[in-house]
Amino acid sequence: MKEIMELTAIVRETAFAIHCYHKHGHLEKIYENALAHRLRKDGWVVDQPHPLKVFEEDGTLIGEYYADLFIDGRLIVEVKAVKTLADEHVAQVLGYLRSSRLEHGLLMNFGAPKFEIRKYALTPVGNAKESPATELNPE
């Protein structure tokens, strides 16, 4: 778990530096490209956009979606450039995590004067004590 927390910290710091430099007002793709560029420069494997498979409950492949960024084969990053994050954005990230069976995702918004970033983690089925998927949001 420590490794994923270190990775998310690096991505957070990099994204914040991008927001400080570019400010708000650009299209989402500008921030996505800047984040991918800086992380690649630092030696991280960044796929952009990256197809992730979506599975049905029984394991059947039912389709795919494209994550804005997929970092180090284990972290989904969804980039927004909106006035404020909405419930739909959170649902999108959580849906991506559940469907692709990945555990960790970041949702970040470069579109507001104040940079917003949230980390989400889903506990895999069988590891949760209260429910099959537990959302964690330490922000």
N, C-alpha and C. Protein backbone atom coordinates (compact mmCIF):
# COMPACT_ATOMS: atom_id res chain seq x y z
N MET A 1 0.83 -1.20 0.00
CA MET A 1 0.00 0.00 0.00
C MET A 1 0.87 1.25 0.00
N LYS A 2 2.05 1.16 0.61
CA LYS A 2 2.92 2.33 0.69
C LYS A 2 3.31 2.81 -0.70
N GLU A 3 3.59 1.87 -1.62
CA GLU A 3 4.01 2.25 -2.97
C GLU A 3 2.95 3.05 -3.71
N ILE A 4 1.69 2.65 -3.61
CA ILE A 4 0.63 3.38 -4.31
C ILE A 4 0.44 4.76 -3.67
N MET A 5 0.62 4.87 -2.38
CA MET A 5 0.51 6.17 -1.72
C MET A 5 1.65 7.09 -2.15
N GLU A 6 2.83 6.54 -2.35
CA GLU A 6 3.95 7.33 -2.85
C GLU A 6 3.68 7.80 -4.27
N LEU A 7 3.15 6.91 -5.10
CA LEU A 7 2.82 7.28 -6.48
C LEU A 7 1.77 8.38 -6.50
N THR A 8 0.71 8.23 -5.72
CA THR A 8 -0.34 9.26 -5.72
C THR A 8 0.20 10.58 -5.20
N ALA A 9 1.11 10.56 -4.25
CA ALA A 9 1.71 11.80 -3.76
C ALA A 9 2.51 12.49 -4.86
N ILE A 10 3.25 11.73 -5.64
CA ILE A 10 4.02 12.30 -6.75
C ILE A 10 3.09 12.91 -7.79
N VAL A 11 2.01 12.20 -8.12
CA VAL A 11 1.05 12.71 -9.10
C VAL A 11 0.38 13.97 -8.56
N ARG A 12 0.02 13.99 -7.30
CA ARG A 12 -0.60 15.17 -6.69
C ARG A 12 0.32 16.38 -6.76
N GLU A 13 1.58 16.18 -6.37
CA GLU A 13 2.54 17.29 -6.38
C GLU A 13 2.76 17.81 -7.80
N THR A 14 2.86 16.90 -8.74
CA THR A 14 3.06 17.28 -10.15
C THR A 14 1.86 18.04 -10.67
N ALA A 15 0.66 17.56 -10.38
CA ALA A 15 -0.56 18.22 -10.84
C ALA A 15 -0.70 19.61 -10.22
N PHE A 16 -0.36 19.74 -8.95
CA PHE A 16 -0.44 21.04 -8.29
C PHE A 16 0.54 22.02 -8.92
N ALA A 17 1.74 21.55 -9.26
CA ALA A 17 2.74 22.41 -9.91
C ALA A 17 2.23 22.87 -11.28
N ILE A 18 1.54 21.99 -11.98
CA ILE A 18 0.96 22.36 -13.28
C ILE A 18 -0.10 23.43 -13.09
N HIS A 19 -0.93 23.26 -12.07
CA HIS A 19 -1.97 24.26 -11.80
C HIS A 19 -1.36 25.61 -11.43
N CYS A 20 -0.30 25.59 -10.67
CA CYS A 20 0.37 26.85 -10.29
C CYS A 20 0.94 27.56 -11.52
N TYR A 21 1.46 26.79 -12.46
CA TYR A 21 2.08 27.37 -13.65
C TYR A 21 1.04 27.81 -14.69
N HIS A 22 0.10 26.92 -15.03
CA HIS A 22 -0.85 27.19 -16.10
C HIS A 22 -2.12 27.90 -15.61
N LYS A 23 -2.36 27.86 -14.31
CA LYS A 23 -3.60 28.42 -13.72
C LYS A 23 -4.82 27.72 -14.31
N HIS A 24 -6.00 28.30 -14.13
CA HIS A 24 -7.21 27.74 -14.70
C HIS A 24 -7.55 28.48 -15.99
N GLY A 25 -8.38 27.87 -16.83
CA GLY A 25 -8.80 28.54 -18.05
C GLY A 25 -8.48 27.79 -19.33
N HIS A 26 -7.71 26.72 -19.24
CA HIS A 26 -7.41 25.92 -20.43
C HIS A 26 -8.40 24.77 -20.55
N LEU A 27 -8.39 24.14 -21.71
CA LEU A 27 -9.19 22.94 -21.89
C LEU A 27 -8.56 21.77 -21.14
N GLU A 28 -9.39 20.80 -20.82
CA GLU A 28 -8.95 19.61 -20.08
C GLU A 28 -7.73 18.95 -20.70
N LYS A 29 -7.70 18.86 -22.02
CA LYS A 29 -6.62 18.16 -22.72
C LYS A 29 -5.25 18.81 -22.46
N ILE A 30 -5.21 20.10 -22.26
CA ILE A 30 -3.95 20.80 -21.97
C ILE A 30 -3.37 20.31 -20.65
N TYR A 31 -4.20 20.22 -19.63
CA TYR A 31 -3.74 19.76 -18.32
C TYR A 31 -3.36 18.28 -18.36
N GLU A 32 -4.16 17.50 -19.06
CA GLU A 32 -3.88 16.07 -19.22
C GLU A 32 -2.51 15.87 -19.89
N ASN A 33 -2.29 16.61 -20.98
CA ASN A 33 -1.01 16.50 -21.69
C ASN A 33 0.17 16.96 -20.82
N ALA A 34 -0.02 18.03 -20.09
CA ALA A 34 1.05 18.55 -19.22
C ALA A 34 1.40 17.53 -18.14
N LEU A 35 0.38 16.93 -17.54
CA LEU A 35 0.62 15.94 -16.48
C LEU A 35 1.33 14.71 -17.05
N ALA A 36 0.87 14.23 -18.19
CA ALA A 36 1.51 13.08 -18.82
C ALA A 36 2.96 13.40 -19.17
N HIS A 37 3.19 14.58 -19.72
CA HIS A 37 4.55 14.99 -20.10
C HIS A 37 5.49 15.03 -18.91
N ARG A 38 5.07 15.69 -17.85
CA ARG A 38 5.95 15.82 -16.67
C ARG A 38 6.22 14.49 -16.00
N LEU A 39 5.20 13.64 -15.92
CA LEU A 39 5.40 12.32 -15.29
C LEU A 39 6.31 11.44 -16.14
N ARG A 40 6.13 11.47 -17.44
CA ARG A 40 7.03 10.70 -18.33
C ARG A 40 8.46 11.20 -18.21
N LYS A 41 8.62 12.51 -18.12
CA LYS A 41 9.95 13.10 -17.97
C LYS A 41 10.65 12.58 -16.71
N ASP A 42 9.85 12.29 -15.70
CA ASP A 42 10.38 11.76 -14.43
C ASP A 42 10.51 10.24 -14.44
N GLY A 43 10.22 9.61 -15.58
CA GLY A 43 10.44 8.18 -15.70
C GLY A 43 9.24 7.29 -15.45
N TRP A 44 8.06 7.84 -15.29
CA TRP A 44 6.86 7.04 -15.05
C TRP A 44 6.25 6.58 -16.37
N VAL A 45 5.66 5.41 -16.35
CA VAL A 45 4.94 4.91 -17.51
C VAL A 45 3.53 5.49 -17.46
N VAL A 46 3.20 6.28 -18.48
CA VAL A 46 1.90 6.95 -18.53
C VAL A 46 1.26 6.63 -19.87
N ASP A 47 0.08 6.00 -19.82
CA ASP A 47 -0.69 5.72 -21.03
C ASP A 47 -1.80 6.76 -21.13
N GLN A 48 -1.96 7.31 -22.34
CA GLN A 48 -2.91 8.40 -22.51
C GLN A 48 -3.45 8.40 -23.92
N PRO A 49 -4.73 8.35 -24.13
CA PRO A 49 -5.68 7.69 -23.25
C PRO A 49 -5.43 6.19 -23.29
N HIS A 50 -5.89 5.51 -22.29
CA HIS A 50 -5.60 4.08 -22.19
C HIS A 50 -6.89 3.29 -22.10
N PRO A 51 -7.07 2.30 -22.99
CA PRO A 51 -8.28 1.49 -22.91
C PRO A 51 -8.23 0.54 -21.72
N LEU A 52 -9.27 0.55 -20.94
CA LEU A 52 -9.39 -0.37 -19.81
C LEU A 52 -10.63 -1.22 -20.02
N LYS A 53 -10.47 -2.48 -19.82
CA LYS A 53 -11.56 -3.43 -20.03
C LYS A 53 -12.59 -3.34 -18.90
N VAL A 54 -13.85 -3.48 -19.27
CA VAL A 54 -14.96 -3.47 -18.31
C VAL A 54 -15.54 -4.88 -18.28
N PHE A 55 -15.65 -5.42 -17.07
CA PHE A 55 -16.11 -6.79 -16.88
C PHE A 55 -17.47 -6.84 -16.22
N GLU A 56 -18.26 -7.84 -16.60
CA GLU A 56 -19.51 -8.13 -15.93
C GLU A 56 -19.18 -8.87 -14.64
N GLU A 57 -20.14 -9.00 -13.77
CA GLU A 57 -19.96 -9.64 -12.47
C GLU A 57 -19.32 -11.03 -12.58
N ASP A 58 -19.69 -11.79 -13.60
CA ASP A 58 -19.16 -13.15 -13.76
C ASP A 58 -17.82 -13.20 -14.47
N GLY A 59 -17.24 -12.03 -14.76
CA GLY A 59 -15.93 -11.98 -15.40
C GLY A 59 -15.97 -11.84 -16.91
N THR A 60 -17.15 -11.78 -17.49
CA THR A 60 -17.28 -11.63 -18.93
C THR A 60 -16.89 -10.21 -19.35
N LEU A 61 -16.06 -10.10 -20.35
CA LEU A 61 -15.69 -8.80 -20.89
C LEU A 61 -16.89 -8.21 -21.62
N ILE A 62 -17.31 -7.00 -21.24
CA ILE A 62 -18.50 -6.39 -21.87
C ILE A 62 -18.17 -5.09 -22.59
N GLY A 63 -16.92 -4.67 -22.56
CA GLY A 63 -16.56 -3.45 -23.26
C GLY A 63 -15.31 -2.83 -22.69
N GLU A 64 -15.05 -1.60 -23.11
CA GLU A 64 -13.91 -0.88 -22.58
C GLU A 64 -14.21 0.60 -22.58
N TYR A 65 -13.46 1.33 -21.80
CA TYR A 65 -13.54 2.78 -21.77
C TYR A 65 -12.11 3.28 -21.80
N TYR A 66 -11.97 4.56 -21.95
CA TYR A 66 -10.63 5.14 -22.04
C TYR A 66 -10.39 6.08 -20.86
N ALA A 67 -9.44 5.69 -20.03
CA ALA A 67 -9.05 6.54 -18.92
C ALA A 67 -8.23 7.70 -19.46
N ASP A 68 -8.39 8.89 -18.88
CA ASP A 68 -7.57 10.03 -19.31
C ASP A 68 -6.10 9.66 -19.21
N LEU A 69 -5.71 9.19 -18.04
CA LEU A 69 -4.34 8.75 -17.81
C LEU A 69 -4.35 7.46 -17.01
N PHE A 70 -3.45 6.58 -17.34
CA PHE A 70 -3.27 5.33 -16.59
C PHE A 70 -1.78 5.26 -16.26
N ILE A 71 -1.46 5.37 -15.01
CA ILE A 71 -0.07 5.54 -14.58
C ILE A 71 0.45 4.29 -13.91
N ASP A 72 1.60 3.84 -14.39
CA ASP A 72 2.33 2.73 -13.80
C ASP A 72 1.50 1.44 -13.74
N GLY A 73 0.52 1.34 -14.62
CA GLY A 73 -0.30 0.13 -14.68
C GLY A 73 -1.18 -0.10 -13.48
N ARG A 74 -1.42 0.96 -12.67
CA ARG A 74 -2.22 0.74 -11.46
C ARG A 74 -3.00 1.93 -10.94
N LEU A 75 -2.86 3.09 -11.58
CA LEU A 75 -3.54 4.29 -11.08
C LEU A 75 -4.29 4.97 -12.22
N ILE A 76 -5.61 5.06 -12.08
CA ILE A 76 -6.45 5.77 -13.04
C ILE A 76 -6.49 7.24 -12.62
N VAL A 77 -6.32 8.13 -13.59
CA VAL A 77 -6.43 9.56 -13.32
C VAL A 77 -7.47 10.14 -14.27
N GLU A 78 -8.48 10.76 -13.72
CA GLU A 78 -9.51 11.43 -14.49
C GLU A 78 -9.31 12.93 -14.31
N VAL A 79 -9.09 13.63 -15.42
CA VAL A 79 -8.79 15.06 -15.41
C VAL A 79 -10.03 15.82 -15.83
N LYS A 80 -10.35 16.87 -15.09
CA LYS A 80 -11.47 17.74 -15.42
C LYS A 80 -10.98 19.19 -15.46
N ALA A 81 -11.69 20.01 -16.23
CA ALA A 81 -11.45 21.45 -16.27
C ALA A 81 -12.82 22.13 -16.23
N VAL A 82 -13.43 22.04 -15.05
CA VAL A 82 -14.79 22.53 -14.85
C VAL A 82 -14.82 23.51 -13.69
N LYS A 83 -15.92 24.23 -13.57
CA LYS A 83 -16.07 25.21 -12.49
C LYS A 83 -15.94 24.55 -11.12
N THR A 84 -16.61 23.41 -10.97
CA THR A 84 -16.52 22.65 -9.72
C THR A 84 -16.81 21.18 -10.01
N LEU A 85 -16.22 20.31 -9.23
CA LEU A 85 -16.49 18.88 -9.39
C LEU A 85 -17.92 18.58 -8.97
N ALA A 86 -18.54 17.65 -9.68
CA ALA A 86 -19.92 17.27 -9.41
C ALA A 86 -19.99 15.80 -9.05
N ASP A 87 -21.13 15.39 -8.52
CA ASP A 87 -21.33 13.99 -8.15
C ASP A 87 -21.12 13.06 -9.35
N GLU A 88 -21.46 13.53 -10.54
CA GLU A 88 -21.29 12.70 -11.74
C GLU A 88 -19.82 12.37 -11.99
N HIS A 89 -18.93 13.29 -11.67
CA HIS A 89 -17.50 13.05 -11.85
C HIS A 89 -17.00 11.98 -10.89
N VAL A 90 -17.47 12.06 -9.67
CA VAL A 90 -17.11 11.05 -8.67
C VAL A 90 -17.64 9.69 -9.10
N ALA A 91 -18.91 9.66 -9.53
CA ALA A 91 -19.51 8.40 -9.98
C ALA A 91 -18.73 7.82 -11.17
N GLN A 92 -18.25 8.68 -12.04
CA GLN A 92 -17.47 8.22 -13.19
C GLN A 92 -16.21 7.49 -12.75
N VAL A 93 -15.46 8.09 -11.83
CA VAL A 93 -14.22 7.48 -11.36
C VAL A 93 -14.51 6.17 -10.62
N LEU A 94 -15.49 6.19 -9.74
CA LEU A 94 -15.83 4.98 -9.00
C LEU A 94 -16.32 3.88 -9.94
N GLY A 95 -17.09 4.25 -10.94
CA GLY A 95 -17.53 3.28 -11.93
C GLY A 95 -16.36 2.68 -12.70
N TYR A 96 -15.40 3.52 -13.07
CA TYR A 96 -14.20 3.03 -13.75
C TYR A 96 -13.46 2.03 -12.89
N LEU A 97 -13.31 2.35 -11.61
CA LEU A 97 -12.58 1.46 -10.71
C LEU A 97 -13.31 0.13 -10.55
N ARG A 98 -14.60 0.18 -10.30
CA ARG A 98 -15.36 -1.06 -10.13
C ARG A 98 -15.34 -1.91 -11.39
N SER A 99 -15.63 -1.29 -12.52
CA SER A 99 -15.74 -2.04 -13.77
C SER A 99 -14.43 -2.64 -14.23
N SER A 100 -13.34 -1.92 -14.03
CA SER A 100 -12.04 -2.41 -14.50
C SER A 100 -11.34 -3.28 -13.46
N ARG A 101 -11.90 -3.31 -12.26
CA ARG A 101 -11.33 -4.08 -11.15
C ARG A 101 -9.97 -3.55 -10.73
N LEU A 102 -9.80 -2.25 -10.85
CA LEU A 102 -8.60 -1.59 -10.34
C LEU A 102 -8.96 -0.97 -9.00
N GLU A 103 -7.96 -0.71 -8.18
CA GLU A 103 -8.22 -0.24 -6.83
C GLU A 103 -8.12 1.27 -6.64
N HIS A 104 -7.24 1.94 -7.39
CA HIS A 104 -6.91 3.33 -7.05
C HIS A 104 -7.16 4.29 -8.20
N GLY A 105 -7.75 5.44 -7.84
CA GLY A 105 -8.01 6.47 -8.84
C GLY A 105 -7.91 7.85 -8.25
N LEU A 106 -7.56 8.79 -9.10
CA LEU A 106 -7.52 10.21 -8.72
C LEU A 106 -8.48 10.97 -9.62
N LEU A 107 -9.18 11.90 -9.04
CA LEU A 107 -10.04 12.82 -9.77
C LEU A 107 -9.50 14.21 -9.49
N MET A 108 -9.13 14.93 -10.55
CA MET A 108 -8.58 16.26 -10.34
C MET A 108 -9.26 17.27 -11.24
N ASN A 109 -9.39 18.48 -10.72
CA ASN A 109 -10.04 19.56 -11.45
C ASN A 109 -9.11 20.76 -11.53
N PHE A 110 -8.73 21.09 -12.77
CA PHE A 110 -7.88 22.24 -13.02
C PHE A 110 -8.68 23.48 -13.40
N GLY A 111 -10.00 23.36 -13.53
CA GLY A 111 -10.82 24.43 -14.08
C GLY A 111 -11.23 25.52 -13.12
N ALA A 112 -11.02 25.34 -11.85
CA ALA A 112 -11.39 26.34 -10.85
C ALA A 112 -10.15 27.10 -10.38
N PRO A 113 -10.32 28.29 -9.84
CA PRO A 113 -9.15 29.00 -9.33
C PRO A 113 -8.39 28.21 -8.26
N LYS A 114 -9.11 27.42 -7.49
CA LYS A 114 -8.48 26.56 -6.48
C LYS A 114 -8.43 25.13 -7.02
N PHE A 115 -7.24 24.58 -7.11
CA PHE A 115 -7.04 23.22 -7.62
C PHE A 115 -7.73 22.21 -6.70
N GLU A 116 -8.46 21.27 -7.30
CA GLU A 116 -9.14 20.22 -6.55
C GLU A 116 -8.59 18.86 -6.94
N ILE A 117 -8.32 18.03 -5.95
CA ILE A 117 -7.90 16.65 -6.23
C ILE A 117 -8.46 15.74 -5.15
N ARG A 118 -8.96 14.59 -5.58
CA ARG A 118 -9.51 13.61 -4.65
C ARG A 118 -8.98 12.23 -5.02
N LYS A 119 -8.65 11.47 -4.00
CA LYS A 119 -8.20 10.10 -4.22
C LYS A 119 -9.31 9.14 -3.80
N TYR A 120 -9.51 8.12 -4.63
CA TYR A 120 -10.50 7.10 -4.33
C TYR A 120 -9.83 5.74 -4.38
N ALA A 121 -10.25 4.88 -3.48
CA ALA A 121 -9.74 3.50 -3.45
C ALA A 121 -10.91 2.58 -3.17
N LEU A 122 -10.99 1.53 -3.93
CA LEU A 122 -12.02 0.52 -3.71
C LEU A 122 -11.36 -0.69 -3.11
N THR A 123 -11.94 -1.19 -2.04
CA THR A 123 -11.46 -2.43 -1.44
C THR A 123 -11.99 -3.57 -2.28
N PRO A 124 -11.12 -4.46 -2.73
CA PRO A 124 -11.59 -5.58 -3.55
C PRO A 124 -12.59 -6.45 -2.80
N VAL A 125 -13.50 -7.06 -3.56
CA VAL A 125 -14.48 -7.97 -2.98
C VAL A 125 -13.76 -9.04 -2.18
N GLY A 126 -14.25 -9.28 -0.97
CA GLY A 126 -13.63 -10.29 -0.11
C GLY A 126 -12.73 -9.68 0.95
N ASN A 127 -12.29 -8.43 0.73
CA ASN A 127 -11.43 -7.77 1.71
C ASN A 127 -12.19 -6.76 2.56
N ALA A 128 -13.35 -6.34 2.10
CA ALA A 128 -14.12 -5.36 2.85
C ALA A 128 -14.88 -6.04 3.97
N LYS A 129 -14.97 -5.38 5.10
CA LYS A 129 -15.68 -5.95 6.25
C LYS A 129 -17.17 -5.67 6.20
N GLU A 130 -17.54 -4.47 5.67
CA GLU A 130 -18.95 -4.10 5.70
C GLU A 130 -19.65 -4.23 4.36
N SER A 131 -18.95 -4.00 3.27
CA SER A 131 -19.59 -4.06 1.95
C SER A 131 -18.59 -4.53 0.91
N PRO A 132 -19.07 -5.00 -0.25
CA PRO A 132 -18.17 -5.51 -1.26
C PRO A 132 -17.24 -4.44 -1.83
N ALA A 133 -17.65 -3.19 -1.88
CA ALA A 133 -16.79 -2.14 -2.38
C ALA A 133 -16.91 -0.93 -1.45
N THR A 134 -15.82 -0.53 -0.87
CA THR A 134 -15.81 0.57 0.08
C THR A 134 -15.07 1.74 -0.53
N GLU A 135 -15.73 2.87 -0.58
CA GLU A 135 -15.09 4.08 -1.11
C GLU A 135 -14.32 4.74 0.02
N LEU A 136 -13.10 5.08 -0.27
CA LEU A 136 -12.28 5.82 0.67
C LEU A 136 -11.98 7.17 0.05
N ASN A 137 -12.21 8.23 0.77
CA ASN A 137 -11.91 9.56 0.27
C ASN A 137 -11.26 10.34 1.39
N PRO A 138 -9.93 10.33 1.46
CA PRO A 138 -9.25 11.00 2.57
C PRO A 138 -9.23 12.50 2.46
N GLU A 139 -9.66 13.07 1.34
CA GLU A 139 -9.63 14.52 1.17
C GLU A 139 -10.74 15.17 1.95
